[in-house]
Amino acid sequence: MRPNRKKHMKYLPKIFLTVAIVTFAIGASELGDNIFFYMGRPVGAIFFVLFMIFQFLQKETALYNEQHEMQPAPVKAATARPSALQPRRPKQIAAGLPA
């Protein structure tokens, strides 16, 4: 796995939790009659759900990465299509039919 992607996966749950707390706090406050204040609670709930999904899948993702790194690299000949490995035969023309 690329190190840059690993870094993003490390900080994304923290960002989601921070955004969830901030937006929920803005939505819970009664500072004004602005549409953005009404959107705070639902947006906070959505980001909290995203945070929880990342938390639940963290161990499974780490296990998958370990298994993927331990697996040997596939050989190209083994993954090639069987028709590509066999020599091509010319098409046979049925006897008695014009070509």
PDB file of N, CA and C in Angstrom:
ATOM      1  N   MET A   1       0.845  -1.170   0.000  1.00  0.00           N
ATOM      2  CA  MET A   1       0.000   0.000   0.000  1.00  0.00           C
ATOM      3  C   MET A   1       0.891   1.234   0.000  1.00  0.00           C
ATOM      4  N   ARG A   2       0.437   2.243  -0.708  1.00  0.00           N
ATOM      5  CA  ARG A   2       1.215   3.460  -0.777  1.00  0.00           C
ATOM      6  C   ARG A   2       1.215   4.166   0.580  1.00  0.00           C
ATOM      7  N   PRO A   3       2.365   4.745   0.991  1.00  0.00           N
ATOM      8  CA  PRO A   3       2.418   5.399   2.296  1.00  0.00           C
ATOM      9  C   PRO A   3       1.504   6.615   2.381  1.00  0.00           C
ATOM     10  N   ASN A   4       1.286   7.314   1.284  1.00  0.00           N
ATOM     11  CA  ASN A   4       0.423   8.484   1.298  1.00  0.00           C
ATOM     12  C   ASN A   4      -1.009   8.098   1.631  1.00  0.00           C
ATOM     13  N   ARG A   5      -1.463   6.979   1.073  1.00  0.00           N
ATOM     14  CA  ARG A   5      -2.825   6.516   1.348  1.00  0.00           C
ATOM     15  C   ARG A   5      -2.955   6.070   2.803  1.00  0.00           C
ATOM     16  N   LYS A   6      -1.911   5.477   3.330  1.00  0.00           N
ATOM     17  CA  LYS A   6      -1.934   5.036   4.713  1.00  0.00           C
ATOM     18  C   LYS A   6      -2.066   6.235   5.653  1.00  0.00           C
ATOM     19  N   LYS A   7      -1.415   7.327   5.298  1.00  0.00           N
ATOM     20  CA  LYS A   7      -1.481   8.530   6.116  1.00  0.00           C
ATOM     21  C   LYS A   7      -2.900   9.093   6.107  1.00  0.00           C
ATOM     22  N   HIS A   8      -3.540   9.076   4.930  1.00  0.00           N
ATOM     23  CA  HIS A   8      -4.915   9.569   4.847  1.00  0.00           C
ATOM     24  C   HIS A   8      -5.847   8.708   5.685  1.00  0.00           C
ATOM     25  N   MET A   9      -5.647   7.410   5.645  1.00  0.00           N
ATOM     26  CA  MET A   9      -6.502   6.513   6.407  1.00  0.00           C
ATOM     27  C   MET A   9      -6.295   6.701   7.909  1.00  0.00           C
ATOM     28  N   LYS A  10      -5.150   7.206   8.300  1.00  0.00           N
ATOM     29  CA  LYS A  10      -4.875   7.427   9.717  1.00  0.00           C
ATOM     30  C   LYS A  10      -5.588   8.681  10.225  1.00  0.00           C
ATOM     31  N   TYR A  11      -5.649   9.717   9.392  1.00  0.00           N
ATOM     32  CA  TYR A  11      -6.196  10.992   9.846  1.00  0.00           C
ATOM     33  C   TYR A  11      -7.666  11.197   9.511  1.00  0.00           C
ATOM     34  N   LEU A  12      -8.221  10.450   8.580  1.00  0.00           N
ATOM     35  CA  LEU A  12      -9.618  10.638   8.210  1.00  0.00           C
ATOM     36  C   LEU A  12     -10.593  10.442   9.372  1.00  0.00           C
ATOM     37  N   PRO A  13     -10.474   9.392  10.185  1.00  0.00           N
ATOM     38  CA  PRO A  13     -11.422   9.259  11.304  1.00  0.00           C
ATOM     39  C   PRO A  13     -11.338  10.424  12.284  1.00  0.00           C
ATOM     40  N   LYS A  14     -10.145  10.928  12.505  1.00  0.00           N
ATOM     41  CA  LYS A  14     -10.005  12.075  13.417  1.00  0.00           C
ATOM     42  C   LYS A  14     -10.667  13.315  12.836  1.00  0.00           C
ATOM     43  N   ILE A  15     -10.528  13.495  11.533  1.00  0.00           N
ATOM     44  CA  ILE A  15     -11.163  14.639  10.874  1.00  0.00           C
ATOM     45  C   ILE A  15     -12.678  14.500  10.935  1.00  0.00           C
ATOM     46  N   PHE A  16     -13.189  13.286  10.677  1.00  0.00           N
ATOM     47  CA  PHE A  16     -14.630  13.061  10.734  1.00  0.00           C
ATOM     48  C   PHE A  16     -15.177  13.336  12.132  1.00  0.00           C
ATOM     49  N   LEU A  17     -14.478  12.892  13.162  1.00  0.00           N
ATOM     50  CA  LEU A  17     -14.941  13.121  14.525  1.00  0.00           C
ATOM     51  C   LEU A  17     -14.914  14.603  14.860  1.00  0.00           C
ATOM     52  N   THR A  18     -13.873  15.301  14.452  1.00  0.00           N
ATOM     53  CA  THR A  18     -13.782  16.733  14.724  1.00  0.00           C
ATOM     54  C   THR A  18     -14.903  17.491  14.027  1.00  0.00           C
ATOM     55  N   VAL A  19     -15.144  17.180  12.768  1.00  0.00           N
ATOM     56  CA  VAL A  19     -16.218  17.848  12.025  1.00  0.00           C
ATOM     57  C   VAL A  19     -17.571  17.517  12.645  1.00  0.00           C
ATOM     58  N   ALA A  20     -17.749  16.278  13.088  1.00  0.00           N
ATOM     59  CA  ALA A  20     -19.013  15.884  13.703  1.00  0.00           C
ATOM     60  C   ALA A  20     -19.266  16.666  14.979  1.00  0.00           C
ATOM     61  N   ILE A  21     -18.265  16.803  15.812  1.00  0.00           N
ATOM     62  CA  ILE A  21     -18.432  17.526  17.082  1.00  0.00           C
ATOM     63  C   ILE A  21     -18.707  19.003  16.828  1.00  0.00           C
ATOM     64  N   VAL A  22     -17.941  19.598  15.910  1.00  0.00           N
ATOM     65  CA  VAL A  22     -18.107  21.030  15.631  1.00  0.00           C
ATOM     66  C   VAL A  22     -19.481  21.310  15.024  1.00  0.00           C
ATOM     67  N   THR A  23     -19.872  20.529  14.032  1.00  0.00           N
ATOM     68  CA  THR A  23     -21.160  20.795  13.391  1.00  0.00           C
ATOM     69  C   THR A  23     -22.332  20.491  14.323  1.00  0.00           C
ATOM     70  N   PHE A  24     -22.192  19.474  15.165  1.00  0.00           N
ATOM     71  CA  PHE A  24     -23.269  19.185  16.109  1.00  0.00           C
ATOM     72  C   PHE A  24     -23.374  20.298  17.143  1.00  0.00           C
ATOM     73  N   ALA A  25     -22.243  20.841  17.575  1.00  0.00           N
ATOM     74  CA  ALA A  25     -22.266  21.952  18.518  1.00  0.00           C
ATOM     75  C   ALA A  25     -22.887  23.195  17.879  1.00  0.00           C
ATOM     76  N   ILE A  26     -22.571  23.441  16.616  1.00  0.00           N
ATOM     77  CA  ILE A  26     -23.179  24.581  15.921  1.00  0.00           C
ATOM     78  C   ILE A  26     -24.684  24.367  15.778  1.00  0.00           C
ATOM     79  N   GLY A  27     -25.081  23.149  15.468  1.00  0.00           N
ATOM     80  CA  GLY A  27     -26.508  22.863  15.325  1.00  0.00           C
ATOM     81  C   GLY A  27     -27.258  22.915  16.634  1.00  0.00           C
ATOM     82  N   ALA A  28     -26.603  22.568  17.721  1.00  0.00           N
ATOM     83  CA  ALA A  28     -27.252  22.581  19.023  1.00  0.00           C
ATOM     84  C   ALA A  28     -27.356  23.993  19.586  1.00  0.00           C
ATOM     85  N   SER A  29     -26.502  24.892  19.119  1.00  0.00           N
ATOM     86  CA  SER A  29     -26.553  26.275  19.612  1.00  0.00           C
ATOM     87  C   SER A  29     -27.712  27.004  18.947  1.00  0.00           C
ATOM     88  N   GLU A  30     -28.245  27.955  19.648  1.00  0.00           N
ATOM     89  CA  GLU A  30     -29.350  28.756  19.123  1.00  0.00           C
ATOM     90  C   GLU A  30     -28.859  30.177  18.879  1.00  0.00           C
ATOM     91  N   LEU A  31     -27.809  30.298  18.074  1.00  0.00           N
ATOM     92  CA  LEU A  31     -27.211  31.605  17.847  1.00  0.00           C
ATOM     93  C   LEU A  31     -27.996  32.465  16.869  1.00  0.00           C
ATOM     94  N   GLY A  32     -28.715  31.860  15.987  1.00  0.00           N
ATOM     95  CA  GLY A  32     -29.441  32.667  15.014  1.00  0.00           C
ATOM     96  C   GLY A  32     -30.369  31.827  14.175  1.00  0.00           C
ATOM     97  N   ASP A  33     -31.166  32.502  13.398  1.00  0.00           N
ATOM     98  CA  ASP A  33     -32.096  31.814  12.508  1.00  0.00           C
ATOM     99  C   ASP A  33     -31.488  31.678  11.123  1.00  0.00           C
ATOM    100  N   ASN A  34     -30.376  31.024  11.061  1.00  0.00           N
ATOM    101  CA  ASN A  34     -29.690  30.810   9.790  1.00  0.00           C
ATOM    102  C   ASN A  34     -29.860  29.343   9.404  1.00  0.00           C
ATOM    103  N   ILE A  35     -29.987  29.074   8.119  1.00  0.00           N
ATOM    104  CA  ILE A  35     -30.196  27.687   7.654  1.00  0.00           C
ATOM    105  C   ILE A  35     -29.019  26.794   8.020  1.00  0.00           C
ATOM    106  N   PHE A  36     -27.821  27.366   8.088  1.00  0.00           N
ATOM    107  CA  PHE A  36     -26.643  26.556   8.406  1.00  0.00           C
ATOM    108  C   PHE A  36     -26.680  26.038   9.837  1.00  0.00           C
ATOM    109  N   PHE A  37     -27.319  26.779  10.733  1.00  0.00           N
ATOM    110  CA  PHE A  37     -27.428  26.301  12.104  1.00  0.00           C
ATOM    111  C   PHE A  37     -28.388  25.126  12.200  1.00  0.00           C
ATOM    112  N   TYR A  38     -29.397  25.095  11.327  1.00  0.00           N
ATOM    113  CA  TYR A  38     -30.327  23.971  11.326  1.00  0.00           C
ATOM    114  C   TYR A  38     -29.706  22.721  10.695  1.00  0.00           C
ATOM    115  N   MET A  39     -28.745  22.914   9.837  1.00  0.00           N
ATOM    116  CA  MET A  39     -28.086  21.786   9.178  1.00  0.00           C
ATOM    117  C   MET A  39     -26.993  21.170  10.050  1.00  0.00           C
ATOM    118  N   GLY A  40     -26.652  21.794  11.146  1.00  0.00           N
ATOM    119  CA  GLY A  40     -25.556  21.314  11.994  1.00  0.00           C
ATOM    120  C   GLY A  40     -25.777  19.932  12.568  1.00  0.00           C
ATOM    121  N   ARG A  41     -26.953  19.692  13.111  1.00  0.00           N
ATOM    122  CA  ARG A  41     -27.213  18.384  13.730  1.00  0.00           C
ATOM    123  C   ARG A  41     -27.191  17.236  12.714  1.00  0.00           C
ATOM    124  N   PRO A  42     -27.881  17.348  11.575  1.00  0.00           N
ATOM    125  CA  PRO A  42     -27.820  16.238  10.626  1.00  0.00           C
ATOM    126  C   PRO A  42     -26.423  16.013  10.048  1.00  0.00           C
ATOM    127  N   VAL A  43     -25.711  17.092   9.739  1.00  0.00           N
ATOM    128  CA  VAL A  43     -24.357  16.945   9.201  1.00  0.00           C
ATOM    129  C   VAL A  43     -23.443  16.332  10.261  1.00  0.00           C
ATOM    130  N   GLY A  44     -23.606  16.757  11.511  1.00  0.00           N
ATOM    131  CA  GLY A  44     -22.827  16.157  12.597  1.00  0.00           C
ATOM    132  C   GLY A  44     -23.108  14.677  12.755  1.00  0.00           C
ATOM    133  N   ALA A  45     -24.382  14.296  12.620  1.00  0.00           N
ATOM    134  CA  ALA A  45     -24.741  12.879  12.731  1.00  0.00           C
ATOM    135  C   ALA A  45     -24.138  12.074  11.580  1.00  0.00           C
ATOM    136  N   ILE A  46     -24.156  12.632  10.384  1.00  0.00           N
ATOM    137  CA  ILE A  46     -23.586  11.925   9.226  1.00  0.00           C
ATOM    138  C   ILE A  46     -22.091  11.723   9.409  1.00  0.00           C
ATOM    139  N   PHE A  47     -21.387  12.745   9.830  1.00  0.00           N
ATOM    140  CA  PHE A  47     -19.948  12.604  10.022  1.00  0.00           C
ATOM    141  C   PHE A  47     -19.626  11.685  11.199  1.00  0.00           C
ATOM    142  N   PHE A  48     -20.490  11.654  12.220  1.00  0.00           N
ATOM    143  CA  PHE A  48     -20.262  10.717  13.320  1.00  0.00           C
ATOM    144  C   PHE A  48     -20.447   9.278  12.853  1.00  0.00           C
ATOM    145  N   VAL A  49     -21.417   9.038  11.986  1.00  0.00           N
ATOM    146  CA  VAL A  49     -21.612   7.693  11.430  1.00  0.00           C
ATOM    147  C   VAL A  49     -20.397   7.293  10.586  1.00  0.00           C
ATOM    148  N   LEU A  50     -19.871   8.227   9.794  1.00  0.00           N
ATOM    149  CA  LEU A  50     -18.661   7.927   9.025  1.00  0.00           C
ATOM    150  C   LEU A  50     -17.489   7.594   9.944  1.00  0.00           C
ATOM    151  N   PHE A  51     -17.366   8.327  11.036  1.00  0.00           N
ATOM    152  CA  PHE A  51     -16.318   8.037  12.019  1.00  0.00           C
ATOM    153  C   PHE A  51     -16.488   6.635  12.599  1.00  0.00           C
ATOM    154  N   MET A  52     -17.718   6.267  12.939  1.00  0.00           N
ATOM    155  CA  MET A  52     -17.958   4.943  13.514  1.00  0.00           C
ATOM    156  C   MET A  52     -17.671   3.829  12.496  1.00  0.00           C
ATOM    157  N   ILE A  53     -17.995   4.047  11.241  1.00  0.00           N
ATOM    158  CA  ILE A  53     -17.696   3.048  10.208  1.00  0.00           C
ATOM    159  C   ILE A  53     -16.197   2.840  10.102  1.00  0.00           C
ATOM    160  N   PHE A  54     -15.437   3.931  10.114  1.00  0.00           N
ATOM    161  CA  PHE A  54     -13.980   3.804  10.074  1.00  0.00           C
ATOM    162  C   PHE A  54     -13.464   3.058  11.292  1.00  0.00           C
ATOM    163  N   GLN A  55     -14.035   3.315  12.454  1.00  0.00           N
ATOM    164  CA  GLN A  55     -13.586   2.622  13.673  1.00  0.00           C
ATOM    165  C   GLN A  55     -13.890   1.129  13.590  1.00  0.00           C
ATOM    166  N   PHE A  56     -15.065   0.769  13.100  1.00  0.00           N
ATOM    167  CA  PHE A  56     -15.432  -0.646  13.010  1.00  0.00           C
ATOM    168  C   PHE A  56     -14.583  -1.398  11.991  1.00  0.00           C
ATOM    169  N   LEU A  57     -14.214  -0.744  10.913  1.00  0.00           N
ATOM    170  CA  LEU A  57     -13.472  -1.417   9.846  1.00  0.00           C
ATOM    171  C   LEU A  57     -11.955  -1.300   9.977  1.00  0.00           C
ATOM    172  N   GLN A  58     -11.477  -0.647  11.008  1.00  0.00           N
ATOM    173  CA  GLN A  58     -10.039  -0.442  11.165  1.00  0.00           C
ATOM    174  C   GLN A  58      -9.277  -1.762  11.310  1.00  0.00           C
ATOM    175  N   LYS A  59      -9.757  -2.659  12.145  1.00  0.00           N
ATOM    176  CA  LYS A  59      -9.061  -3.934  12.360  1.00  0.00           C
ATOM    177  C   LYS A  59      -9.135  -4.826  11.123  1.00  0.00           C
ATOM    178  N   GLU A  60     -10.286  -4.843  10.481  1.00  0.00           N
ATOM    179  CA  GLU A  60     -10.435  -5.672   9.291  1.00  0.00           C
ATOM    180  C   GLU A  60      -9.546  -5.175   8.154  1.00  0.00           C
ATOM    181  N   THR A  61      -9.408  -3.871   8.037  1.00  0.00           N
ATOM    182  CA  THR A  61      -8.547  -3.310   7.001  1.00  0.00           C
ATOM    183  C   THR A  61      -7.088  -3.650   7.264  1.00  0.00           C
ATOM    184  N   ALA A  62      -6.671  -3.576   8.525  1.00  0.00           N
ATOM    185  CA  ALA A  62      -5.293  -3.929   8.871  1.00  0.00           C
ATOM    186  C   ALA A  62      -5.033  -5.413   8.593  1.00  0.00           C
ATOM    187  N   LEU A  63      -5.993  -6.267   8.906  1.00  0.00           N
ATOM    188  CA  LEU A  63      -5.838  -7.700   8.641  1.00  0.00           C
ATOM    189  C   LEU A  63      -5.756  -7.975   7.145  1.00  0.00           C
ATOM    190  N   TYR A  64      -6.595  -7.303   6.360  1.00  0.00           N
ATOM    191  CA  TYR A  64      -6.553  -7.468   4.905  1.00  0.00           C
ATOM    192  C   TYR A  64      -5.207  -7.015   4.344  1.00  0.00           C
ATOM    193  N   ASN A  65      -4.691  -5.910   4.832  1.00  0.00           N
ATOM    194  CA  ASN A  65      -3.401  -5.412   4.347  1.00  0.00           C
ATOM    195  C   ASN A  65      -2.278  -6.391   4.674  1.00  0.00           C
ATOM    196  N   GLU A  66      -2.300  -6.984   5.857  1.00  0.00           N
ATOM    197  CA  GLU A  66      -1.285  -7.983   6.218  1.00  0.00           C
ATOM    198  C   GLU A  66      -1.362  -9.202   5.302  1.00  0.00           C
ATOM    199  N   GLN A  67      -2.565  -9.686   5.055  1.00  0.00           N
ATOM    200  CA  GLN A  67      -2.724 -10.851   4.189  1.00  0.00           C
ATOM    201  C   GLN A  67      -2.308 -10.530   2.758  1.00  0.00           C
ATOM    202  N   HIS A  68      -2.600  -9.343   2.311  1.00  0.00           N
ATOM    203  CA  HIS A  68      -2.258  -8.942   0.951  1.00  0.00           C
ATOM    204  C   HIS A  68      -0.743  -8.809   0.776  1.00  0.00           C
ATOM    205  N   GLU A  69      -0.054  -8.329   1.799  1.00  0.00           N
ATOM    206  CA  GLU A  69       1.405  -8.188   1.731  1.00  0.00           C
ATOM    207  C   GLU A  69       2.103  -9.542   1.795  1.00  0.00           C
ATOM    208  N   MET A  70       1.526 -10.507   2.516  1.00  0.00           N
ATOM    209  CA  MET A  70       2.139 -11.822   2.647  1.00  0.00           C
ATOM    210  C   MET A  70       1.945 -12.673   1.399  1.00  0.00           C
ATOM    211  N   GLN A  71       0.932 -12.378   0.613  1.00  0.00           N
ATOM    212  CA  GLN A  71       0.627 -13.164  -0.576  1.00  0.00           C
ATOM    213  C   GLN A  71       1.715 -12.931  -1.633  1.00  0.00           C
ATOM    214  N   PRO A  72       2.234 -14.024  -2.223  1.00  0.00           N
ATOM    215  CA  PRO A  72       3.281 -13.843  -3.246  1.00  0.00           C
ATOM    216  C   PRO A  72       2.715 -13.177  -4.495  1.00  0.00           C
ATOM    217  N   ALA A  73       3.598 -12.536  -5.221  1.00  0.00           N
ATOM    218  CA  ALA A  73       3.189 -11.866  -6.452  1.00  0.00           C
ATOM    219  C   ALA A  73       2.769 -12.914  -7.485  1.00  0.00           C
ATOM    220  N   PRO A  74       1.661 -12.716  -8.167  1.00  0.00           N
ATOM    221  CA  PRO A  74       1.214 -13.712  -9.149  1.00  0.00           C
ATOM    222  C   PRO A  74       2.116 -13.706 -10.378  1.00  0.00           C
ATOM    223  N   VAL A  75       2.243 -14.879 -10.949  1.00  0.00           N
ATOM    224  CA  VAL A  75       3.038 -15.032 -12.159  1.00  0.00           C
ATOM    225  C   VAL A  75       2.148 -14.665 -13.341  1.00  0.00           C
ATOM    226  N   LYS A  76       2.687 -13.922 -14.298  1.00  0.00           N
ATOM    227  CA  LYS A  76       1.871 -13.471 -15.416  1.00  0.00           C
ATOM    228  C   LYS A  76       1.348 -14.635 -16.253  1.00  0.00           C
ATOM    229  N   ALA A  77       2.130 -15.656 -16.431  1.00  0.00           N
ATOM    230  CA  ALA A  77       1.696 -16.793 -17.243  1.00  0.00           C
ATOM    231  C   ALA A  77       0.515 -17.504 -16.585  1.00  0.00           C
ATOM    232  N   ALA A  78       0.481 -17.545 -15.268  1.00  0.00           N
ATOM    233  CA  ALA A  78      -0.598 -18.229 -14.574  1.00  0.00           C
ATOM    234  C   ALA A  78      -1.892 -17.422 -14.637  1.00  0.00           C
ATOM    235  N   THR A  79      -1.787 -16.122 -14.734  1.00  0.00           N
ATOM    236  CA  THR A  79      -2.993 -15.300 -14.763  1.00  0.00           C
ATOM    237  C   THR A  79      -3.453 -14.984 -16.175  1.00  0.00           C
ATOM    238  N   ALA A  80      -2.678 -15.359 -17.178  1.00  0.00           N
ATOM    239  CA  ALA A  80      -3.065 -15.075 -18.557  1.00  0.00           C
ATOM    240  C   ALA A  80      -4.247 -15.953 -18.949  1.00  0.00           C
ATOM    241  N   ARG A  81      -4.982 -15.513 -19.941  1.00  0.00           N
ATOM    242  CA  ARG A  81      -6.126 -16.295 -20.403  1.00  0.00           C
ATOM    243  C   ARG A  81      -5.627 -17.584 -21.057  1.00  0.00           C
ATOM    244  N   PRO A  82      -6.345 -18.670 -20.908  1.00  0.00           N
ATOM    245  CA  PRO A  82      -5.912 -19.929 -21.527  1.00  0.00           C
ATOM    246  C   PRO A  82      -5.839 -19.834 -23.050  1.00  0.00           C
ATOM    247  N   SER A  83      -6.696 -19.062 -23.662  1.00  0.00           N
ATOM    248  CA  SER A  83      -6.664 -18.963 -25.114  1.00  0.00           C
ATOM    249  C   SER A  83      -5.402 -18.241 -25.586  1.00  0.00           C
ATOM    250  N   ALA A  84      -4.841 -17.391 -24.759  1.00  0.00           N
ATOM    251  CA  ALA A  84      -3.616 -16.689 -25.144  1.00  0.00           C
ATOM    252  C   ALA A  84      -2.405 -17.616 -25.083  1.00  0.00           C
ATOM    253  N   LEU A  85      -2.494 -18.661 -24.281  1.00  0.00           N
ATOM    254  CA  LEU A  85      -1.364 -19.578 -24.131  1.00  0.00           C
ATOM    255  C   LEU A  85      -1.331 -20.625 -25.253  1.00  0.00           C
ATOM    256  N   GLN A  86      -2.483 -20.956 -25.829  1.00  0.00           N
ATOM    257  CA  GLN A  86      -2.547 -21.976 -26.859  1.00  0.00           C
ATOM    258  C   GLN A  86      -2.235 -21.353 -28.220  1.00  0.00           C
ATOM    259  N   PRO A  87      -1.533 -22.103 -29.081  1.00  0.00           N
ATOM    260  CA  PRO A  87      -1.256 -21.562 -30.417  1.00  0.00           C
ATOM    261  C   PRO A  87      -2.553 -21.468 -31.211  1.00  0.00           C
ATOM    262  N   ARG A  88      -2.610 -20.502 -32.068  1.00  0.00           N
ATOM    263  CA  ARG A  88      -3.807 -20.314 -32.888  1.00  0.00           C
ATOM    264  C   ARG A  88      -3.804 -21.295 -34.055  1.00  0.00           C
ATOM    265  N   ARG A  89      -4.973 -21.863 -34.313  1.00  0.00           N
ATOM    266  CA  ARG A  89      -5.140 -22.781 -35.428  1.00  0.00           C
ATOM    267  C   ARG A  89      -5.936 -22.080 -36.518  1.00  0.00           C
ATOM    268  N   PRO A  90      -5.622 -22.358 -37.759  1.00  0.00           N
ATOM    269  CA  PRO A  90      -6.428 -21.744 -38.822  1.00  0.00           C
ATOM    270  C   PRO A  90      -7.838 -22.320 -38.801  1.00  0.00           C
ATOM    271  N   LYS A  91      -8.794 -21.517 -39.210  1.00  0.00           N
ATOM    272  CA  LYS A  91     -10.181 -21.976 -39.227  1.00  0.00           C
ATOM    273  C   LYS A  91     -10.340 -23.076 -40.271  1.00  0.00           C
ATOM    274  N   GLN A  92     -11.044 -24.105 -39.889  1.00  0.00           N
ATOM    275  CA  GLN A  92     -11.277 -25.212 -40.808  1.00  0.00           C
ATOM    276  C   GLN A  92     -12.535 -24.936 -41.621  1.00  0.00           C
ATOM    277  N   ILE A  93     -12.426 -25.189 -42.902  1.00  0.00           N
ATOM    278  CA  ILE A  93     -13.571 -24.990 -43.792  1.00  0.00           C
ATOM    279  C   ILE A  93     -14.269 -26.321 -43.964  1.00  0.00           C
ATOM    280  N   ALA A  94     -15.584 -26.292 -43.797  1.00  0.00           N
ATOM    281  CA  ALA A  94     -16.346 -27.529 -43.931  1.00  0.00           C
ATOM    282  C   ALA A  94     -16.278 -28.043 -45.351  1.00  0.00           C
ATOM    283  N   ALA A  95     -16.175 -29.348 -45.499  1.00  0.00           N
ATOM    284  CA  ALA A  95     -16.046 -29.968 -46.831  1.00  0.00           C
ATOM    285  C   ALA A  95     -17.331 -29.774 -47.613  1.00  0.00           C
ATOM    286  N   GLY A  96     -17.210 -29.382 -48.865  1.00  0.00           N
ATOM    287  CA  GLY A  96     -18.349 -29.267 -49.760  1.00  0.00           C
ATOM    288  C   GLY A  96     -18.987 -27.896 -49.747  1.00  0.00           C
ATOM    289  N   LEU A  97     -18.589 -27.025 -48.869  1.00  0.00           N
ATOM    290  CA  LEU A  97     -19.155 -25.690 -48.849  1.00  0.00           C
ATOM    291  C   LEU A  97     -18.201 -24.710 -49.526  1.00  0.00           C
ATOM    292  N   PRO A  98     -18.712 -23.780 -50.292  1.00  0.00           N
ATOM    293  CA  PRO A  98     -17.814 -22.816 -50.928  1.00  0.00           C
ATOM    294  C   PRO A  98     -17.200 -21.871 -49.893  1.00  0.00           C
ATOM    295  N   ALA A  99     -15.988 -21.440 -50.149  1.00  0.00           N
ATOM    296  CA  ALA A  99     -15.271 -20.597 -49.207  1.00  0.00           C
ATOM    297  C   ALA A  99     -15.652 -19.158 -49.262  1.00  0.00           C
TER     298      ALA A  99
END
